[in-house]
Amino acid sequence: MSSGTYFPPPVGVEIPKAGGGVRVLGVPTVADRVAQTAVAMELENQVEPMFFDTVDHELMVKAVRPIPTMQTATADED
């Protein structure tokens, strides 16, 4: 991948439609998912410092994690 020669193979699974015909559903291979994860990790390492220099880390963590209830969201503010 670092040589720039990785090209994902064409993937597609034909799913029959209720009204006739087929729908092509693209399903990534394991190699595709590994490549996507490697690229995402590298991009995160390059981009995250741009945001963490100006944003409070604790605020950022709370902003990106789902909070199940309002009580949980305000519990540590008391």
PDB file of N, CA and C in Angstrom:
ATOM      1  N   MET A   1       0.820  -1.179   0.000  1.00  0.00           N
ATOM      2  CA  MET A   1       0.000   0.000   0.000  1.00  0.00           C
ATOM      3  C   MET A   1       0.868   1.249   0.000  1.00  0.00           C
ATOM      4  N   SER A   2       1.981   1.226   0.698  1.00  0.00           N
ATOM      5  CA  SER A   2       2.838   2.406   0.737  1.00  0.00           C
ATOM      6  C   SER A   2       3.461   2.709  -0.618  1.00  0.00           C
ATOM      7  N   SER A   3       3.515   1.712  -1.495  1.00  0.00           N
ATOM      8  CA  SER A   3       4.058   1.942  -2.828  1.00  0.00           C
ATOM      9  C   SER A   3       3.044   2.598  -3.755  1.00  0.00           C
ATOM     10  N   GLY A   4       1.796   2.705  -3.297  1.00  0.00           N
ATOM     11  CA  GLY A   4       0.765   3.347  -4.115  1.00  0.00           C
ATOM     12  C   GLY A   4       0.174   2.423  -5.170  1.00  0.00           C
ATOM     13  N   THR A   5       0.367   1.125  -4.998  1.00  0.00           N
ATOM     14  CA  THR A   5      -0.118   0.193  -6.010  1.00  0.00           C
ATOM     15  C   THR A   5      -1.351  -0.582  -5.579  1.00  0.00           C
ATOM     16  N   TYR A   6      -1.924  -0.246  -4.432  1.00  0.00           N
ATOM     17  CA  TYR A   6      -3.112  -0.972  -3.983  1.00  0.00           C
ATOM     18  C   TYR A   6      -4.355  -0.413  -4.651  1.00  0.00           C
ATOM     19  N   PHE A   7      -5.051  -1.256  -5.342  1.00  0.00           N
ATOM     20  CA  PHE A   7      -6.332  -0.891  -5.929  1.00  0.00           C
ATOM     21  C   PHE A   7      -7.326  -1.968  -5.531  1.00  0.00           C
ATOM     22  N   PRO A   8      -8.398  -1.598  -4.834  1.00  0.00           N
ATOM     23  CA  PRO A   8      -9.351  -2.617  -4.381  1.00  0.00           C
ATOM     24  C   PRO A   8     -10.004  -3.307  -5.567  1.00  0.00           C
ATOM     25  N   PRO A   9     -10.220  -4.610  -5.438  1.00  0.00           N
ATOM     26  CA  PRO A   9     -10.877  -5.333  -6.523  1.00  0.00           C
ATOM     27  C   PRO A   9     -12.359  -4.961  -6.593  1.00  0.00           C
ATOM     28  N   PRO A  10     -12.945  -5.043  -7.778  1.00  0.00           N
ATOM     29  CA  PRO A  10     -14.384  -4.776  -7.859  1.00  0.00           C
ATOM     30  C   PRO A  10     -15.146  -5.855  -7.093  1.00  0.00           C
ATOM     31  N   VAL A  11     -16.042  -5.418  -6.243  1.00  0.00           N
ATOM     32  CA  VAL A  11     -16.834  -6.366  -5.465  1.00  0.00           C
ATOM     33  C   VAL A  11     -18.300  -6.056  -5.679  1.00  0.00           C
ATOM     34  N   GLY A  12     -19.089  -7.060  -5.664  1.00  0.00           N
ATOM     35  CA  GLY A  12     -20.516  -6.851  -5.808  1.00  0.00           C
ATOM     36  C   GLY A  12     -21.261  -8.157  -5.665  1.00  0.00           C
ATOM     37  N   VAL A  13     -22.317  -8.088  -4.906  1.00  0.00           N
ATOM     38  CA  VAL A  13     -23.193  -9.239  -4.709  1.00  0.00           C
ATOM     39  C   VAL A  13     -24.560  -8.817  -5.217  1.00  0.00           C
ATOM     40  N   GLU A  14     -25.132  -9.628  -6.067  1.00  0.00           N
ATOM     41  CA  GLU A  14     -26.445  -9.285  -6.607  1.00  0.00           C
ATOM     42  C   GLU A  14     -27.547  -9.761  -5.677  1.00  0.00           C
ATOM     43  N   ILE A  15     -28.402  -8.811  -5.269  1.00  0.00           N
ATOM     44  CA  ILE A  15     -29.522  -9.089  -4.373  1.00  0.00           C
ATOM     45  C   ILE A  15     -30.802  -8.919  -5.190  1.00  0.00           C
ATOM     46  N   PRO A  16     -31.664  -9.940  -5.218  1.00  0.00           N
ATOM     47  CA  PRO A  16     -32.903  -9.794  -5.990  1.00  0.00           C
ATOM     48  C   PRO A  16     -33.863  -8.786  -5.354  1.00  0.00           C
ATOM     49  N   LYS A  17     -34.489  -7.967  -6.190  1.00  0.00           N
ATOM     50  CA  LYS A  17     -35.477  -7.000  -5.718  1.00  0.00           C
ATOM     51  C   LYS A  17     -36.858  -7.655  -5.704  1.00  0.00           C
ATOM     52  N   ALA A  18     -37.747  -7.136  -4.871  1.00  0.00           N
ATOM     53  CA  ALA A  18     -39.095  -7.683  -4.766  1.00  0.00           C
ATOM     54  C   ALA A  18     -39.868  -7.507  -6.072  1.00  0.00           C
ATOM     55  N   GLY A  19     -39.655  -6.396  -6.761  1.00  0.00           N
ATOM     56  CA  GLY A  19     -40.381  -6.121  -8.003  1.00  0.00           C
ATOM     57  C   GLY A  19     -39.684  -6.652  -9.240  1.00  0.00           C
ATOM     58  N   GLY A  20     -38.701  -7.500  -9.074  1.00  0.00           N
ATOM     59  CA  GLY A  20     -37.939  -8.013 -10.203  1.00  0.00           C
ATOM     60  C   GLY A  20     -36.627  -7.262 -10.340  1.00  0.00           C
ATOM     61  N   GLY A  21     -35.712  -7.820 -11.054  1.00  0.00           N
ATOM     62  CA  GLY A  21     -34.410  -7.205 -11.222  1.00  0.00           C
ATOM     63  C   GLY A  21     -33.504  -7.498 -10.041  1.00  0.00           C
ATOM     64  N   VAL A  22     -32.350  -6.929 -10.083  1.00  0.00           N
ATOM     65  CA  VAL A  22     -31.382  -7.143  -9.007  1.00  0.00           C
ATOM     66  C   VAL A  22     -30.762  -5.815  -8.587  1.00  0.00           C
ATOM     67  N   ARG A  23     -30.282  -5.789  -7.372  1.00  0.00           N
ATOM     68  CA  ARG A  23     -29.556  -4.644  -6.832  1.00  0.00           C
ATOM     69  C   ARG A  23     -28.151  -5.141  -6.520  1.00  0.00           C
ATOM     70  N   VAL A  24     -27.137  -4.400  -6.959  1.00  0.00           N
ATOM     71  CA  VAL A  24     -25.758  -4.782  -6.682  1.00  0.00           C
ATOM     72  C   VAL A  24     -25.338  -4.147  -5.361  1.00  0.00           C
ATOM     73  N   LEU A  25     -24.923  -4.981  -4.439  1.00  0.00           N
ATOM     74  CA  LEU A  25     -24.492  -4.539  -3.121  1.00  0.00           C
ATOM     75  C   LEU A  25     -22.986  -4.747  -3.028  1.00  0.00           C
ATOM     76  N   GLY A  26     -22.241  -3.663  -2.816  1.00  0.00           N
ATOM     77  CA  GLY A  26     -20.791  -3.764  -2.693  1.00  0.00           C
ATOM     78  C   GLY A  26     -20.404  -4.192  -1.292  1.00  0.00           C
ATOM     79  N   VAL A  27     -19.670  -5.263  -1.185  1.00  0.00           N
ATOM     80  CA  VAL A  27     -19.222  -5.776   0.105  1.00  0.00           C
ATOM     81  C   VAL A  27     -17.700  -5.769   0.101  1.00  0.00           C
ATOM     82  N   PRO A  28     -17.070  -4.957   0.971  1.00  0.00           N
ATOM     83  CA  PRO A  28     -15.611  -4.904   0.968  1.00  0.00           C
ATOM     84  C   PRO A  28     -14.992  -6.209   1.451  1.00  0.00           C
ATOM     85  N   THR A  29     -13.849  -6.539   0.875  1.00  0.00           N
ATOM     86  CA  THR A  29     -13.124  -7.738   1.290  1.00  0.00           C
ATOM     87  C   THR A  29     -12.359  -7.426   2.573  1.00  0.00           C
ATOM     88  N   VAL A  30     -11.799  -8.452   3.188  1.00  0.00           N
ATOM     89  CA  VAL A  30     -11.007  -8.260   4.399  1.00  0.00           C
ATOM     90  C   VAL A  30      -9.809  -7.361   4.093  1.00  0.00           C
ATOM     91  N   ALA A  31      -9.172  -7.571   2.951  1.00  0.00           N
ATOM     92  CA  ALA A  31      -8.024  -6.737   2.570  1.00  0.00           C
ATOM     93  C   ALA A  31      -8.444  -5.271   2.422  1.00  0.00           C
ATOM     94  N   ASP A  32      -9.644  -5.030   1.884  1.00  0.00           N
ATOM     95  CA  ASP A  32     -10.148  -3.663   1.766  1.00  0.00           C
ATOM     96  C   ASP A  32     -10.320  -3.026   3.137  1.00  0.00           C
ATOM     97  N   ARG A  33     -10.875  -3.780   4.081  1.00  0.00           N
ATOM     98  CA  ARG A  33     -11.100  -3.242   5.422  1.00  0.00           C
ATOM     99  C   ARG A  33      -9.772  -2.954   6.122  1.00  0.00           C
ATOM    100  N   VAL A  34      -8.776  -3.813   5.927  1.00  0.00           N
ATOM    101  CA  VAL A  34      -7.455  -3.578   6.507  1.00  0.00           C
ATOM    102  C   VAL A  34      -6.863  -2.300   5.927  1.00  0.00           C
ATOM    103  N   ALA A  35      -6.969  -2.136   4.621  1.00  0.00           N
ATOM    104  CA  ALA A  35      -6.446  -0.938   3.965  1.00  0.00           C
ATOM    105  C   ALA A  35      -7.177   0.309   4.451  1.00  0.00           C
ATOM    106  N   GLN A  36      -8.497   0.246   4.569  1.00  0.00           N
ATOM    107  CA  GLN A  36      -9.277   1.386   5.040  1.00  0.00           C
ATOM    108  C   GLN A  36      -8.879   1.765   6.469  1.00  0.00           C
ATOM    109  N   THR A  37      -8.681   0.761   7.321  1.00  0.00           N
ATOM    110  CA  THR A  37      -8.306   1.019   8.705  1.00  0.00           C
ATOM    111  C   THR A  37      -6.923   1.651   8.784  1.00  0.00           C
ATOM    112  N   ALA A  38      -5.990   1.158   7.978  1.00  0.00           N
ATOM    113  CA  ALA A  38      -4.633   1.717   7.976  1.00  0.00           C
ATOM    114  C   ALA A  38      -4.654   3.182   7.538  1.00  0.00           C
ATOM    115  N   VAL A  39      -5.422   3.493   6.516  1.00  0.00           N
ATOM    116  CA  VAL A  39      -5.509   4.879   6.037  1.00  0.00           C
ATOM    117  C   VAL A  39      -6.182   5.759   7.088  1.00  0.00           C
ATOM    118  N   ALA A  40      -7.248   5.261   7.701  1.00  0.00           N
ATOM    119  CA  ALA A  40      -7.950   6.039   8.725  1.00  0.00           C
ATOM    120  C   ALA A  40      -7.045   6.334   9.911  1.00  0.00           C
ATOM    121  N   MET A  41      -6.271   5.353  10.340  1.00  0.00           N
ATOM    122  CA  MET A  41      -5.368   5.565  11.475  1.00  0.00           C
ATOM    123  C   MET A  41      -4.316   6.620  11.145  1.00  0.00           C
ATOM    124  N   GLU A  42      -3.763   6.567   9.947  1.00  0.00           N
ATOM    125  CA  GLU A  42      -2.746   7.541   9.555  1.00  0.00           C
ATOM    126  C   GLU A  42      -3.340   8.943   9.447  1.00  0.00           C
ATOM    127  N   LEU A  43      -4.525   9.048   8.859  1.00  0.00           N
ATOM    128  CA  LEU A  43      -5.170  10.359   8.743  1.00  0.00           C
ATOM    129  C   LEU A  43      -5.516  10.932  10.116  1.00  0.00           C
ATOM    130  N   GLU A  44      -5.991  10.082  11.032  1.00  0.00           N
ATOM    131  CA  GLU A  44      -6.309  10.553  12.382  1.00  0.00           C
ATOM    132  C   GLU A  44      -5.066  11.100  13.066  1.00  0.00           C
ATOM    133  N   ASN A  45      -3.925  10.427  12.899  1.00  0.00           N
ATOM    134  CA  ASN A  45      -2.682  10.892  13.514  1.00  0.00           C
ATOM    135  C   ASN A  45      -2.272  12.260  12.976  1.00  0.00           C
ATOM    136  N   GLN A  46      -2.570  12.536  11.726  1.00  0.00           N
ATOM    137  CA  GLN A  46      -2.190  13.807  11.131  1.00  0.00           C
ATOM    138  C   GLN A  46      -3.191  14.916  11.431  1.00  0.00           C
ATOM    139  N   VAL A  47      -4.487  14.588  11.522  1.00  0.00           N
ATOM    140  CA  VAL A  47      -5.522  15.610  11.635  1.00  0.00           C
ATOM    141  C   VAL A  47      -5.864  15.947  13.090  1.00  0.00           C
ATOM    142  N   GLU A  48      -5.884  14.978  13.978  1.00  0.00           N
ATOM    143  CA  GLU A  48      -6.296  15.230  15.356  1.00  0.00           C
ATOM    144  C   GLU A  48      -5.489  16.318  16.057  1.00  0.00           C
ATOM    145  N   PRO A  49      -4.171  16.405  15.872  1.00  0.00           N
ATOM    146  CA  PRO A  49      -3.436  17.485  16.547  1.00  0.00           C
ATOM    147  C   PRO A  49      -3.922  18.881  16.151  1.00  0.00           C
ATOM    148  N   MET A  50      -4.459  19.029  14.975  1.00  0.00           N
ATOM    149  CA  MET A  50      -4.984  20.328  14.545  1.00  0.00           C
ATOM    150  C   MET A  50      -6.154  20.761  15.422  1.00  0.00           C
ATOM    151  N   PHE A  51      -6.944  19.807  15.895  1.00  0.00           N
ATOM    152  CA  PHE A  51      -8.115  20.111  16.698  1.00  0.00           C
ATOM    153  C   PHE A  51      -7.790  20.164  18.186  1.00  0.00           C
ATOM    154  N   PHE A  52      -6.924  19.287  18.665  1.00  0.00           N
ATOM    155  CA  PHE A  52      -6.636  19.225  20.086  1.00  0.00           C
ATOM    156  C   PHE A  52      -5.773  20.383  20.554  1.00  0.00           C
ATOM    157  N   ASP A  53      -5.141  21.123  19.657  1.00  0.00           N
ATOM    158  CA  ASP A  53      -4.391  22.304  20.060  1.00  0.00           C
ATOM    159  C   ASP A  53      -5.318  23.410  20.540  1.00  0.00           C
ATOM    160  N   THR A  54      -6.549  23.442  19.996  1.00  0.00           N
ATOM    161  CA  THR A  54      -7.448  24.551  20.310  1.00  0.00           C
ATOM    162  C   THR A  54      -8.689  24.136  21.089  1.00  0.00           C
ATOM    163  N   VAL A  55      -8.917  22.840  21.279  1.00  0.00           N
ATOM    164  CA  VAL A  55     -10.131  22.366  21.942  1.00  0.00           C
ATOM    165  C   VAL A  55      -9.753  21.576  23.188  1.00  0.00           C
ATOM    166  N   ASP A  56     -10.476  21.800  24.274  1.00  0.00           N
ATOM    167  CA  ASP A  56     -10.268  21.059  25.510  1.00  0.00           C
ATOM    168  C   ASP A  56     -10.520  19.574  25.255  1.00  0.00           C
ATOM    169  N   HIS A  57      -9.563  18.718  25.624  1.00  0.00           N
ATOM    170  CA  HIS A  57      -9.662  17.284  25.358  1.00  0.00           C
ATOM    171  C   HIS A  57     -10.894  16.662  26.011  1.00  0.00           C
ATOM    172  N   GLU A  58     -11.191  16.986  27.260  1.00  0.00           N
ATOM    173  CA  GLU A  58     -12.350  16.413  27.952  1.00  0.00           C
ATOM    174  C   GLU A  58     -13.649  16.796  27.245  1.00  0.00           C
ATOM    175  N   LEU A  59     -13.745  18.030  26.795  1.00  0.00           N
ATOM    176  CA  LEU A  59     -14.925  18.472  26.068  1.00  0.00           C
ATOM    177  C   LEU A  59     -15.070  17.689  24.775  1.00  0.00           C
ATOM    178  N   MET A  60     -13.965  17.464  24.084  1.00  0.00           N
ATOM    179  CA  MET A  60     -13.995  16.735  22.818  1.00  0.00           C
ATOM    180  C   MET A  60     -14.432  15.291  23.037  1.00  0.00           C
ATOM    181  N   VAL A  61     -13.944  14.649  24.094  1.00  0.00           N
ATOM    182  CA  VAL A  61     -14.309  13.255  24.375  1.00  0.00           C
ATOM    183  C   VAL A  61     -15.810  13.149  24.635  1.00  0.00           C
ATOM    184  N   LYS A  62     -16.363  14.070  25.400  1.00  0.00           N
ATOM    185  CA  LYS A  62     -17.795  14.024  25.682  1.00  0.00           C
ATOM    186  C   LYS A  62     -18.617  14.311  24.433  1.00  0.00           C
ATOM    187  N   ALA A  63     -18.097  15.108  23.534  1.00  0.00           N
ATOM    188  CA  ALA A  63     -18.837  15.491  22.333  1.00  0.00           C
ATOM    189  C   ALA A  63     -18.965  14.342  21.351  1.00  0.00           C
ATOM    190  N   VAL A  64     -18.007  13.427  21.317  1.00  0.00           N
ATOM    191  CA  VAL A  64     -18.037  12.376  20.307  1.00  0.00           C
ATOM    192  C   VAL A  64     -18.532  11.037  20.820  1.00  0.00           C
ATOM    193  N   ARG A  65     -18.777  10.924  22.114  1.00  0.00           N
ATOM    194  CA  ARG A  65     -19.280   9.657  22.657  1.00  0.00           C
ATOM    195  C   ARG A  65     -20.769   9.773  22.943  1.00  0.00           C
ATOM    196  N   PRO A  66     -21.529   8.768  22.571  1.00  0.00           N
ATOM    197  CA  PRO A  66     -22.966   8.818  22.846  1.00  0.00           C
ATOM    198  C   PRO A  66     -23.243   8.773  24.346  1.00  0.00           C
ATOM    199  N   ILE A  67     -24.213   9.569  24.782  1.00  0.00           N
ATOM    200  CA  ILE A  67     -24.592   9.616  26.190  1.00  0.00           C
ATOM    201  C   ILE A  67     -25.998   9.028  26.313  1.00  0.00           C
ATOM    202  N   PRO A  68     -26.179   7.964  27.116  1.00  0.00           N
ATOM    203  CA  PRO A  68     -27.468   7.284  27.143  1.00  0.00           C
ATOM    204  C   PRO A  68     -28.614   8.106  27.746  1.00  0.00           C
ATOM    205  N   THR A  69     -28.360   8.914  28.775  1.00  0.00           N
ATOM    206  CA  THR A  69     -29.449   9.647  29.409  1.00  0.00           C
ATOM    207  C   THR A  69     -29.009  11.057  29.773  1.00  0.00           C
ATOM    208  N   MET A  70     -29.962  11.939  30.026  1.00  0.00           N
ATOM    209  CA  MET A  70     -29.645  13.302  30.445  1.00  0.00           C
ATOM    210  C   MET A  70     -28.981  13.296  31.818  1.00  0.00           C
ATOM    211  N   GLN A  71     -29.390  12.371  32.710  1.00  0.00           N
ATOM    212  CA  GLN A  71     -28.792  12.290  34.034  1.00  0.00           C
ATOM    213  C   GLN A  71     -27.299  11.951  33.930  1.00  0.00           C
ATOM    214  N   THR A  72     -26.942  11.077  33.032  1.00  0.00           N
ATOM    215  CA  THR A  72     -25.554  10.722  32.831  1.00  0.00           C
ATOM    216  C   THR A  72     -24.776  11.909  32.280  1.00  0.00           C
ATOM    217  N   ALA A  73     -25.393  12.669  31.396  1.00  0.00           N
ATOM    218  CA  ALA A  73     -24.726  13.796  30.766  1.00  0.00           C
ATOM    219  C   ALA A  73     -24.422  14.898  31.763  1.00  0.00           C
ATOM    220  N   THR A  74     -25.295  15.098  32.759  1.00  0.00           N
ATOM    221  CA  THR A  74     -25.095  16.189  33.713  1.00  0.00           C
ATOM    222  C   THR A  74     -24.542  15.719  35.052  1.00  0.00           C
ATOM    223  N   ALA A  75     -24.301  14.434  35.238  1.00  0.00           N
ATOM    224  CA  ALA A  75     -23.890  13.884  36.520  1.00  0.00           C
ATOM    225  C   ALA A  75     -22.571  14.479  37.003  1.00  0.00           C
ATOM    226  N   ASP A  76     -21.581  14.662  36.127  1.00  0.00           N
ATOM    227  CA  ASP A  76     -20.291  15.143  36.603  1.00  0.00           C
ATOM    228  C   ASP A  76     -20.201  16.667  36.630  1.00  0.00           C
ATOM    229  N   GLU A  77     -21.290  17.366  36.362  1.00  0.00           N
ATOM    230  CA  GLU A  77     -21.300  18.822  36.457  1.00  0.00           C
ATOM    231  C   GLU A  77     -21.679  19.290  37.855  1.00  0.00           C
ATOM    232  N   ASP A  78     -22.194  18.395  38.692  1.00  0.00           N
ATOM    233  CA  ASP A  78     -22.609  18.778  40.053  1.00  0.00           C
ATOM    234  C   ASP A  78     -21.429  18.927  40.965  1.00  0.00           C
TER     235      ASP A  78
END
